[in-house]
Amino acid sequence: MVSKVVQVHNAEGIHLRPAGILCEAAYRFQSAVRIRFEDKEIDAKSVLSVLSAGIGPGDTIAVICEGKDEQLALDSMVKVIEEL
């Protein structure tokens, strides 16, 4: 298992379009990809879960990846979040 804390820079937070981009990126990997925000841990492969987390601009989240390609998944997900 690998993880990294990332700040959301998108001025709108993670709304529908960024959530879709994030989930699409997560689906590329075999590893489980989760996001920890406040007291919630959500599946990054579920658009509804990502949207319901209510992640806003400037919020800090932890990306957690576990599986065969976990490091590649983590690096990719962090890059996607930073570019949203």
PDB file of N, CA and C in Angstrom:
ATOM      1  N   MET A   1       0.856  -1.182   0.000  1.00  0.00           N
ATOM      2  CA  MET A   1       0.000   0.000   0.000  1.00  0.00           C
ATOM      3  C   MET A   1       0.898   1.240   0.000  1.00  0.00           C
ATOM      4  N   VAL A   2       0.549   2.196  -0.861  1.00  0.00           N
ATOM      5  CA  VAL A   2       1.252   3.473  -0.917  1.00  0.00           C
ATOM      6  C   VAL A   2       0.221   4.591  -0.847  1.00  0.00           C
ATOM      7  N   SER A   3       0.644   5.735  -0.344  1.00  0.00           N
ATOM      8  CA  SER A   3      -0.286   6.857  -0.254  1.00  0.00           C
ATOM      9  C   SER A   3       0.469   8.176  -0.325  1.00  0.00           C
ATOM     10  N   LYS A   4      -0.278   9.212  -0.637  1.00  0.00           N
ATOM     11  CA  LYS A   4       0.302  10.555  -0.685  1.00  0.00           C
ATOM     12  C   LYS A   4      -0.798  11.568  -0.434  1.00  0.00           C
ATOM     13  N   VAL A   5      -0.452  12.616   0.286  1.00  0.00           N
ATOM     14  CA  VAL A   5      -1.387  13.702   0.569  1.00  0.00           C
ATOM     15  C   VAL A   5      -1.239  14.754  -0.528  1.00  0.00           C
ATOM     16  N   VAL A   6      -2.375  15.207  -1.057  1.00  0.00           N
ATOM     17  CA  VAL A   6      -2.398  16.155  -2.173  1.00  0.00           C
ATOM     18  C   VAL A   6      -3.431  17.240  -1.875  1.00  0.00           C
ATOM     19  N   GLN A   7      -3.135  18.462  -2.305  1.00  0.00           N
ATOM     20  CA  GLN A   7      -4.105  19.550  -2.167  1.00  0.00           C
ATOM     21  C   GLN A   7      -4.819  19.743  -3.502  1.00  0.00           C
ATOM     22  N   VAL A   8      -6.119  19.959  -3.429  1.00  0.00           N
ATOM     23  CA  VAL A   8      -6.935  20.191  -4.624  1.00  0.00           C
ATOM     24  C   VAL A   8      -6.799  21.656  -5.015  1.00  0.00           C
ATOM     25  N   HIS A   9      -6.300  21.900  -6.226  1.00  0.00           N
ATOM     26  CA  HIS A   9      -6.077  23.268  -6.690  1.00  0.00           C
ATOM     27  C   HIS A   9      -7.211  23.786  -7.566  1.00  0.00           C
ATOM     28  N   ASN A  10      -8.090  22.922  -8.032  1.00  0.00           N
ATOM     29  CA  ASN A  10      -9.184  23.339  -8.903  1.00  0.00           C
ATOM     30  C   ASN A  10     -10.054  24.356  -8.172  1.00  0.00           C
ATOM     31  N   ALA A  11     -10.283  25.492  -8.799  1.00  0.00           N
ATOM     32  CA  ALA A  11     -11.048  26.573  -8.178  1.00  0.00           C
ATOM     33  C   ALA A  11     -12.485  26.180  -7.846  1.00  0.00           C
ATOM     34  N   GLU A  12     -12.991  25.148  -8.489  1.00  0.00           N
ATOM     35  CA  GLU A  12     -14.362  24.687  -8.257  1.00  0.00           C
ATOM     36  C   GLU A  12     -14.417  23.461  -7.347  1.00  0.00           C
ATOM     37  N   GLY A  13     -13.266  22.936  -6.964  1.00  0.00           N
ATOM     38  CA  GLY A  13     -13.233  21.690  -6.204  1.00  0.00           C
ATOM     39  C   GLY A  13     -13.429  20.516  -7.151  1.00  0.00           C
ATOM     40  N   ILE A  14     -13.776  19.377  -6.608  1.00  0.00           N
ATOM     41  CA  ILE A  14     -13.996  18.196  -7.450  1.00  0.00           C
ATOM     42  C   ILE A  14     -15.493  18.040  -7.681  1.00  0.00           C
ATOM     43  N   HIS A  15     -15.959  18.704  -8.747  1.00  0.00           N
ATOM     44  CA  HIS A  15     -17.357  18.610  -9.160  1.00  0.00           C
ATOM     45  C   HIS A  15     -17.458  17.540 -10.248  1.00  0.00           C
ATOM     46  N   LEU A  16     -18.512  17.523 -11.021  1.00  0.00           N
ATOM     47  CA  LEU A  16     -18.785  16.420 -11.942  1.00  0.00           C
ATOM     48  C   LEU A  16     -17.675  16.161 -12.966  1.00  0.00           C
ATOM     49  N   ARG A  17     -17.231  17.185 -13.668  1.00  0.00           N
ATOM     50  CA  ARG A  17     -16.213  16.966 -14.706  1.00  0.00           C
ATOM     51  C   ARG A  17     -14.900  16.447 -14.110  1.00  0.00           C
ATOM     52  N   PRO A  18     -14.344  17.097 -13.067  1.00  0.00           N
ATOM     53  CA  PRO A  18     -13.114  16.575 -12.480  1.00  0.00           C
ATOM     54  C   PRO A  18     -13.287  15.174 -11.858  1.00  0.00           C
ATOM     55  N   ALA A  19     -14.458  14.919 -11.292  1.00  0.00           N
ATOM     56  CA  ALA A  19     -14.712  13.596 -10.718  1.00  0.00           C
ATOM     57  C   ALA A  19     -14.669  12.528 -11.807  1.00  0.00           C
ATOM     58  N   GLY A  20     -15.246  12.833 -12.968  1.00  0.00           N
ATOM     59  CA  GLY A  20     -15.221  11.901 -14.096  1.00  0.00           C
ATOM     60  C   GLY A  20     -13.802  11.643 -14.575  1.00  0.00           C
ATOM     61  N   ILE A  21     -12.999  12.702 -14.662  1.00  0.00           N
ATOM     62  CA  ILE A  21     -11.597  12.564 -15.070  1.00  0.00           C
ATOM     63  C   ILE A  21     -10.843  11.711 -14.064  1.00  0.00           C
ATOM     64  N   LEU A  22     -11.074  11.969 -12.796  1.00  0.00           N
ATOM     65  CA  LEU A  22     -10.398  11.223 -11.730  1.00  0.00           C
ATOM     66  C   LEU A  22     -10.760   9.742 -11.768  1.00  0.00           C
ATOM     67  N   CYS A  23     -12.037   9.451 -11.919  1.00  0.00           N
ATOM     68  CA  CYS A  23     -12.490   8.057 -11.964  1.00  0.00           C
ATOM     69  C   CYS A  23     -11.968   7.344 -13.203  1.00  0.00           C
ATOM     70  N   GLU A  24     -11.968   8.031 -14.319  1.00  0.00           N
ATOM     71  CA  GLU A  24     -11.440   7.447 -15.555  1.00  0.00           C
ATOM     72  C   GLU A  24      -9.965   7.085 -15.386  1.00  0.00           C
ATOM     73  N   ALA A  25      -9.213   7.943 -14.725  1.00  0.00           N
ATOM     74  CA  ALA A  25      -7.794   7.660 -14.471  1.00  0.00           C
ATOM     75  C   ALA A  25      -7.642   6.463 -13.533  1.00  0.00           C
ATOM     76  N   ALA A  26      -8.464   6.377 -12.512  1.00  0.00           N
ATOM     77  CA  ALA A  26      -8.378   5.280 -11.546  1.00  0.00           C
ATOM     78  C   ALA A  26      -8.677   3.930 -12.188  1.00  0.00           C
ATOM     79  N   TYR A  27      -9.595   3.925 -13.157  1.00  0.00           N
ATOM     80  CA  TYR A  27      -9.981   2.677 -13.823  1.00  0.00           C
ATOM     81  C   TYR A  27      -8.869   2.074 -14.660  1.00  0.00           C
ATOM     82  N   ARG A  28      -7.847   2.843 -14.974  1.00  0.00           N
ATOM     83  CA  ARG A  28      -6.733   2.326 -15.779  1.00  0.00           C
ATOM     84  C   ARG A  28      -5.860   1.336 -15.018  1.00  0.00           C
ATOM     85  N   PHE A  29      -6.045   1.250 -13.726  1.00  0.00           N
ATOM     86  CA  PHE A  29      -5.162   0.442 -12.893  1.00  0.00           C
ATOM     87  C   PHE A  29      -5.884  -0.729 -12.241  1.00  0.00           C
ATOM     88  N   GLN A  30      -5.125  -1.800 -12.043  1.00  0.00           N
ATOM     89  CA  GLN A  30      -5.665  -2.969 -11.364  1.00  0.00           C
ATOM     90  C   GLN A  30      -5.792  -2.718  -9.867  1.00  0.00           C
ATOM     91  N   SER A  31      -4.937  -1.879  -9.347  1.00  0.00           N
ATOM     92  CA  SER A  31      -4.922  -1.604  -7.910  1.00  0.00           C
ATOM     93  C   SER A  31      -6.218  -0.949  -7.447  1.00  0.00           C
ATOM     94  N   ALA A  32      -6.523  -1.168  -6.185  1.00  0.00           N
ATOM     95  CA  ALA A  32      -7.612  -0.424  -5.544  1.00  0.00           C
ATOM     96  C   ALA A  32      -7.115   1.000  -5.343  1.00  0.00           C
ATOM     97  N   VAL A  33      -7.941   1.968  -5.690  1.00  0.00           N
ATOM     98  CA  VAL A  33      -7.576   3.376  -5.533  1.00  0.00           C
ATOM     99  C   VAL A  33      -8.644   4.028  -4.669  1.00  0.00           C
ATOM    100  N   ARG A  34      -8.213   4.561  -3.531  1.00  0.00           N
ATOM    101  CA  ARG A  34      -9.144   5.187  -2.599  1.00  0.00           C
ATOM    102  C   ARG A  34      -8.688   6.608  -2.281  1.00  0.00           C
ATOM    103  N   ILE A  35      -9.646   7.419  -1.879  1.00  0.00           N
ATOM    104  CA  ILE A  35      -9.366   8.787  -1.462  1.00  0.00           C
ATOM    105  C   ILE A  35      -9.870   8.940  -0.035  1.00  0.00           C
ATOM    106  N   ARG A  36      -9.004   9.469   0.826  1.00  0.00           N
ATOM    107  CA  ARG A  36      -9.416   9.752   2.204  1.00  0.00           C
ATOM    108  C   ARG A  36      -9.578  11.272   2.321  1.00  0.00           C
ATOM    109  N   PHE A  37     -10.777  11.669   2.735  1.00  0.00           N
ATOM    110  CA  PHE A  37     -11.091  13.088   2.920  1.00  0.00           C
ATOM    111  C   PHE A  37     -11.887  13.228   4.205  1.00  0.00           C
ATOM    112  N   GLU A  38     -11.379  14.052   5.098  1.00  0.00           N
ATOM    113  CA  GLU A  38     -11.970  14.219   6.422  1.00  0.00           C
ATOM    114  C   GLU A  38     -12.097  12.847   7.072  1.00  0.00           C
ATOM    115  N   ASP A  39     -13.285  12.420   7.418  1.00  0.00           N
ATOM    116  CA  ASP A  39     -13.449  11.119   8.084  1.00  0.00           C
ATOM    117  C   ASP A  39     -13.948  10.040   7.127  1.00  0.00           C
ATOM    118  N   LYS A  40     -13.892  10.325   5.815  1.00  0.00           N
ATOM    119  CA  LYS A  40     -14.414   9.379   4.819  1.00  0.00           C
ATOM    120  C   LYS A  40     -13.282   8.782   3.999  1.00  0.00           C
ATOM    121  N   GLU A  41     -13.430   7.518   3.648  1.00  0.00           N
ATOM    122  CA  GLU A  41     -12.539   6.882   2.683  1.00  0.00           C
ATOM    123  C   GLU A  41     -13.425   6.358   1.560  1.00  0.00           C
ATOM    124  N   ILE A  42     -13.170   6.840   0.348  1.00  0.00           N
ATOM    125  CA  ILE A  42     -14.058   6.540  -0.770  1.00  0.00           C
ATOM    126  C   ILE A  42     -13.319   5.847  -1.907  1.00  0.00           C
ATOM    127  N   ASP A  43     -14.062   5.119  -2.703  1.00  0.00           N
ATOM    128  CA  ASP A  43     -13.535   4.434  -3.873  1.00  0.00           C
ATOM    129  C   ASP A  43     -13.383   5.452  -5.002  1.00  0.00           C
ATOM    130  N   ALA A  44     -12.149   5.645  -5.472  1.00  0.00           N
ATOM    131  CA  ALA A  44     -11.892   6.636  -6.520  1.00  0.00           C
ATOM    132  C   ALA A  44     -12.400   6.175  -7.886  1.00  0.00           C
ATOM    133  N   LYS A  45     -12.864   4.936  -7.989  1.00  0.00           N
ATOM    134  CA  LYS A  45     -13.398   4.423  -9.251  1.00  0.00           C
ATOM    135  C   LYS A  45     -14.906   4.626  -9.352  1.00  0.00           C
ATOM    136  N   SER A  46     -15.498   5.272  -8.343  1.00  0.00           N
ATOM    137  CA  SER A  46     -16.933   5.533  -8.315  1.00  0.00           C
ATOM    138  C   SER A  46     -17.193   7.038  -8.373  1.00  0.00           C
ATOM    139  N   VAL A  47     -17.749   7.501  -9.491  1.00  0.00           N
ATOM    140  CA  VAL A  47     -18.030   8.926  -9.654  1.00  0.00           C
ATOM    141  C   VAL A  47     -18.969   9.417  -8.547  1.00  0.00           C
ATOM    142  N   LEU A  48     -19.996   8.653  -8.234  1.00  0.00           N
ATOM    143  CA  LEU A  48     -20.945   9.076  -7.198  1.00  0.00           C
ATOM    144  C   LEU A  48     -20.276   9.218  -5.836  1.00  0.00           C
ATOM    145  N   SER A  49     -19.384   8.295  -5.511  1.00  0.00           N
ATOM    146  CA  SER A  49     -18.672   8.373  -4.233  1.00  0.00           C
ATOM    147  C   SER A  49     -17.780   9.603  -4.182  1.00  0.00           C
ATOM    148  N   VAL A  50     -17.078   9.869  -5.285  1.00  0.00           N
ATOM    149  CA  VAL A  50     -16.186  11.029  -5.340  1.00  0.00           C
ATOM    150  C   VAL A  50     -17.001  12.315  -5.217  1.00  0.00           C
ATOM    151  N   LEU A  51     -18.101  12.408  -5.937  1.00  0.00           N
ATOM    152  CA  LEU A  51     -18.958  13.599  -5.868  1.00  0.00           C
ATOM    153  C   LEU A  51     -19.551  13.795  -4.474  1.00  0.00           C
ATOM    154  N   SER A  52     -20.004  12.708  -3.859  1.00  0.00           N
ATOM    155  CA  SER A  52     -20.665  12.814  -2.559  1.00  0.00           C
ATOM    156  C   SER A  52     -19.699  13.185  -1.433  1.00  0.00           C
ATOM    157  N   ALA A  53     -18.398  13.069  -1.676  1.00  0.00           N
ATOM    158  CA  ALA A  53     -17.423  13.432  -0.648  1.00  0.00           C
ATOM    159  C   ALA A  53     -17.403  14.938  -0.406  1.00  0.00           C
ATOM    160  N   GLY A  54     -17.788  15.709  -1.413  1.00  0.00           N
ATOM    161  CA  GLY A  54     -17.835  17.165  -1.250  1.00  0.00           C
ATOM    162  C   GLY A  54     -16.464  17.814  -1.129  1.00  0.00           C
ATOM    163  N   ILE A  55     -15.532  17.393  -1.953  1.00  0.00           N
ATOM    164  CA  ILE A  55     -14.167  17.914  -1.901  1.00  0.00           C
ATOM    165  C   ILE A  55     -14.131  19.266  -2.598  1.00  0.00           C
ATOM    166  N   GLY A  56     -13.739  20.294  -1.857  1.00  0.00           N
ATOM    167  CA  GLY A  56     -13.746  21.652  -2.383  1.00  0.00           C
ATOM    168  C   GLY A  56     -12.361  22.161  -2.719  1.00  0.00           C
ATOM    169  N   PRO A  57     -12.302  23.372  -3.259  1.00  0.00           N
ATOM    170  CA  PRO A  57     -11.014  23.967  -3.601  1.00  0.00           C
ATOM    171  C   PRO A  57     -10.165  24.186  -2.350  1.00  0.00           C
ATOM    172  N   GLY A  58      -8.892  23.834  -2.452  1.00  0.00           N
ATOM    173  CA  GLY A  58      -7.980  23.994  -1.324  1.00  0.00           C
ATOM    174  C   GLY A  58      -8.011  22.869  -0.312  1.00  0.00           C
ATOM    175  N   ASP A  59      -8.946  21.942  -0.459  1.00  0.00           N
ATOM    176  CA  ASP A  59      -9.012  20.810   0.476  1.00  0.00           C
ATOM    177  C   ASP A  59      -7.811  19.887   0.271  1.00  0.00           C
ATOM    178  N   THR A  60      -7.420  19.240   1.348  1.00  0.00           N
ATOM    179  CA  THR A  60      -6.323  18.287   1.311  1.00  0.00           C
ATOM    180  C   THR A  60      -6.906  16.885   1.389  1.00  0.00           C
ATOM    181  N   ILE A  61      -6.470  16.019   0.471  1.00  0.00           N
ATOM    182  CA  ILE A  61      -6.944  14.639   0.437  1.00  0.00           C
ATOM    183  C   ILE A  61      -5.745  13.702   0.424  1.00  0.00           C
ATOM    184  N   ALA A  62      -5.968  12.470   0.825  1.00  0.00           N
ATOM    185  CA  ALA A  62      -4.939  11.437   0.737  1.00  0.00           C
ATOM    186  C   ALA A  62      -5.372  10.448  -0.338  1.00  0.00           C
ATOM    187  N   VAL A  63      -4.464  10.156  -1.249  1.00  0.00           N
ATOM    188  CA  VAL A  63      -4.709   9.143  -2.275  1.00  0.00           C
ATOM    189  C   VAL A  63      -4.007   7.870  -1.803  1.00  0.00           C
ATOM    190  N   ILE A  64      -4.754   6.767  -1.782  1.00  0.00           N
ATOM    191  CA  ILE A  64      -4.236   5.496  -1.285  1.00  0.00           C
ATOM    192  C   ILE A  64      -4.408   4.448  -2.373  1.00  0.00           C
ATOM    193  N   CYS A  65      -3.322   3.779  -2.724  1.00  0.00           N
ATOM    194  CA  CYS A  65      -3.368   2.752  -3.762  1.00  0.00           C
ATOM    195  C   CYS A  65      -2.800   1.455  -3.209  1.00  0.00           C
ATOM    196  N   GLU A  66      -3.462   0.350  -3.553  1.00  0.00           N
ATOM    197  CA  GLU A  66      -3.012  -0.953  -3.078  1.00  0.00           C
ATOM    198  C   GLU A  66      -3.242  -1.996  -4.162  1.00  0.00           C
ATOM    199  N   GLY A  67      -2.158  -2.664  -4.551  1.00  0.00           N
ATOM    200  CA  GLY A  67      -2.268  -3.702  -5.571  1.00  0.00           C
ATOM    201  C   GLY A  67      -0.991  -3.819  -6.386  1.00  0.00           C
ATOM    202  N   LYS A  68      -1.098  -4.564  -7.479  1.00  0.00           N
ATOM    203  CA  LYS A  68       0.064  -4.875  -8.309  1.00  0.00           C
ATOM    204  C   LYS A  68       0.757  -3.642  -8.888  1.00  0.00           C
ATOM    205  N   ASP A  69      -0.005  -2.669  -9.318  1.00  0.00           N
ATOM    206  CA  ASP A  69       0.558  -1.474  -9.951  1.00  0.00           C
ATOM    207  C   ASP A  69       0.356  -0.224  -9.089  1.00  0.00           C
ATOM    208  N   GLU A  70       0.457  -0.405  -7.775  1.00  0.00           N
ATOM    209  CA  GLU A  70       0.106   0.660  -6.845  1.00  0.00           C
ATOM    210  C   GLU A  70       0.950   1.929  -7.002  1.00  0.00           C
ATOM    211  N   GLN A  71       2.256   1.797  -7.196  1.00  0.00           N
ATOM    212  CA  GLN A  71       3.081   2.994  -7.306  1.00  0.00           C
ATOM    213  C   GLN A  71       2.768   3.766  -8.584  1.00  0.00           C
ATOM    214  N   LEU A  72       2.589   3.059  -9.669  1.00  0.00           N
ATOM    215  CA  LEU A  72       2.219   3.697 -10.934  1.00  0.00           C
ATOM    216  C   LEU A  72       0.852   4.372 -10.800  1.00  0.00           C
ATOM    217  N   ALA A  73      -0.073   3.699 -10.153  1.00  0.00           N
ATOM    218  CA  ALA A  73      -1.409   4.261  -9.935  1.00  0.00           C
ATOM    219  C   ALA A  73      -1.327   5.530  -9.089  1.00  0.00           C
ATOM    220  N   LEU A  74      -0.562   5.480  -8.019  1.00  0.00           N
ATOM    221  CA  LEU A  74      -0.434   6.637  -7.139  1.00  0.00           C
ATOM    222  C   LEU A  74       0.166   7.824  -7.882  1.00  0.00           C
ATOM    223  N   ASP A  75       1.256   7.595  -8.592  1.00  0.00           N
ATOM    224  CA  ASP A  75       1.907   8.677  -9.333  1.00  0.00           C
ATOM    225  C   ASP A  75       0.947   9.302 -10.347  1.00  0.00           C
ATOM    226  N   SER A  76       0.202   8.466 -11.043  1.00  0.00           N
ATOM    227  CA  SER A  76      -0.738   8.950 -12.047  1.00  0.00           C
ATOM    228  C   SER A  76      -1.882   9.730 -11.411  1.00  0.00           C
ATOM    229  N   MET A  77      -2.439   9.213 -10.335  1.00  0.00           N
ATOM    230  CA  MET A  77      -3.570   9.875  -9.682  1.00  0.00           C
ATOM    231  C   MET A  77      -3.157  11.228  -9.100  1.00  0.00           C
ATOM    232  N   VAL A  78      -1.992  11.297  -8.508  1.00  0.00           N
ATOM    233  CA  VAL A  78      -1.506  12.568  -7.955  1.00  0.00           C
ATOM    234  C   VAL A  78      -1.357  13.594  -9.080  1.00  0.00           C
ATOM    235  N   LYS A  79      -0.804  13.172 -10.203  1.00  0.00           N
ATOM    236  CA  LYS A  79      -0.623  14.067 -11.339  1.00  0.00           C
ATOM    237  C   LYS A  79      -1.989  14.564 -11.850  1.00  0.00           C
ATOM    238  N   VAL A  80      -2.951  13.666 -11.952  1.00  0.00           N
ATOM    239  CA  VAL A  80      -4.293  14.048 -12.421  1.00  0.00           C
ATOM    240  C   VAL A  80      -4.912  15.081 -11.467  1.00  0.00           C
ATOM    241  N   ILE A  81      -4.824  14.835 -10.182  1.00  0.00           N
ATOM    242  CA  ILE A  81      -5.414  15.753  -9.196  1.00  0.00           C
ATOM    243  C   ILE A  81      -4.748  17.116  -9.271  1.00  0.00           C
ATOM    244  N   GLU A  82      -3.430  17.133  -9.408  1.00  0.00           N
ATOM    245  CA  GLU A  82      -2.709  18.401  -9.472  1.00  0.00           C
ATOM    246  C   GLU A  82      -3.027  19.181 -10.744  1.00  0.00           C
ATOM    247  N   GLU A  83      -3.451  18.482 -11.806  1.00  0.00           N
ATOM    248  CA  GLU A  83      -3.749  19.148 -13.074  1.00  0.00           C
ATOM    249  C   GLU A  83      -5.227  19.473 -13.276  1.00  0.00           C
ATOM    250  N   LEU A  84      -6.095  19.069 -12.342  1.00  0.00           N
ATOM    251  CA  LEU A  84      -7.534  19.339 -12.490  1.00  0.00           C
ATOM    252  C   LEU A  84      -7.802  20.827 -12.505  1.00  0.00           C
TER     253      LEU A  84
END
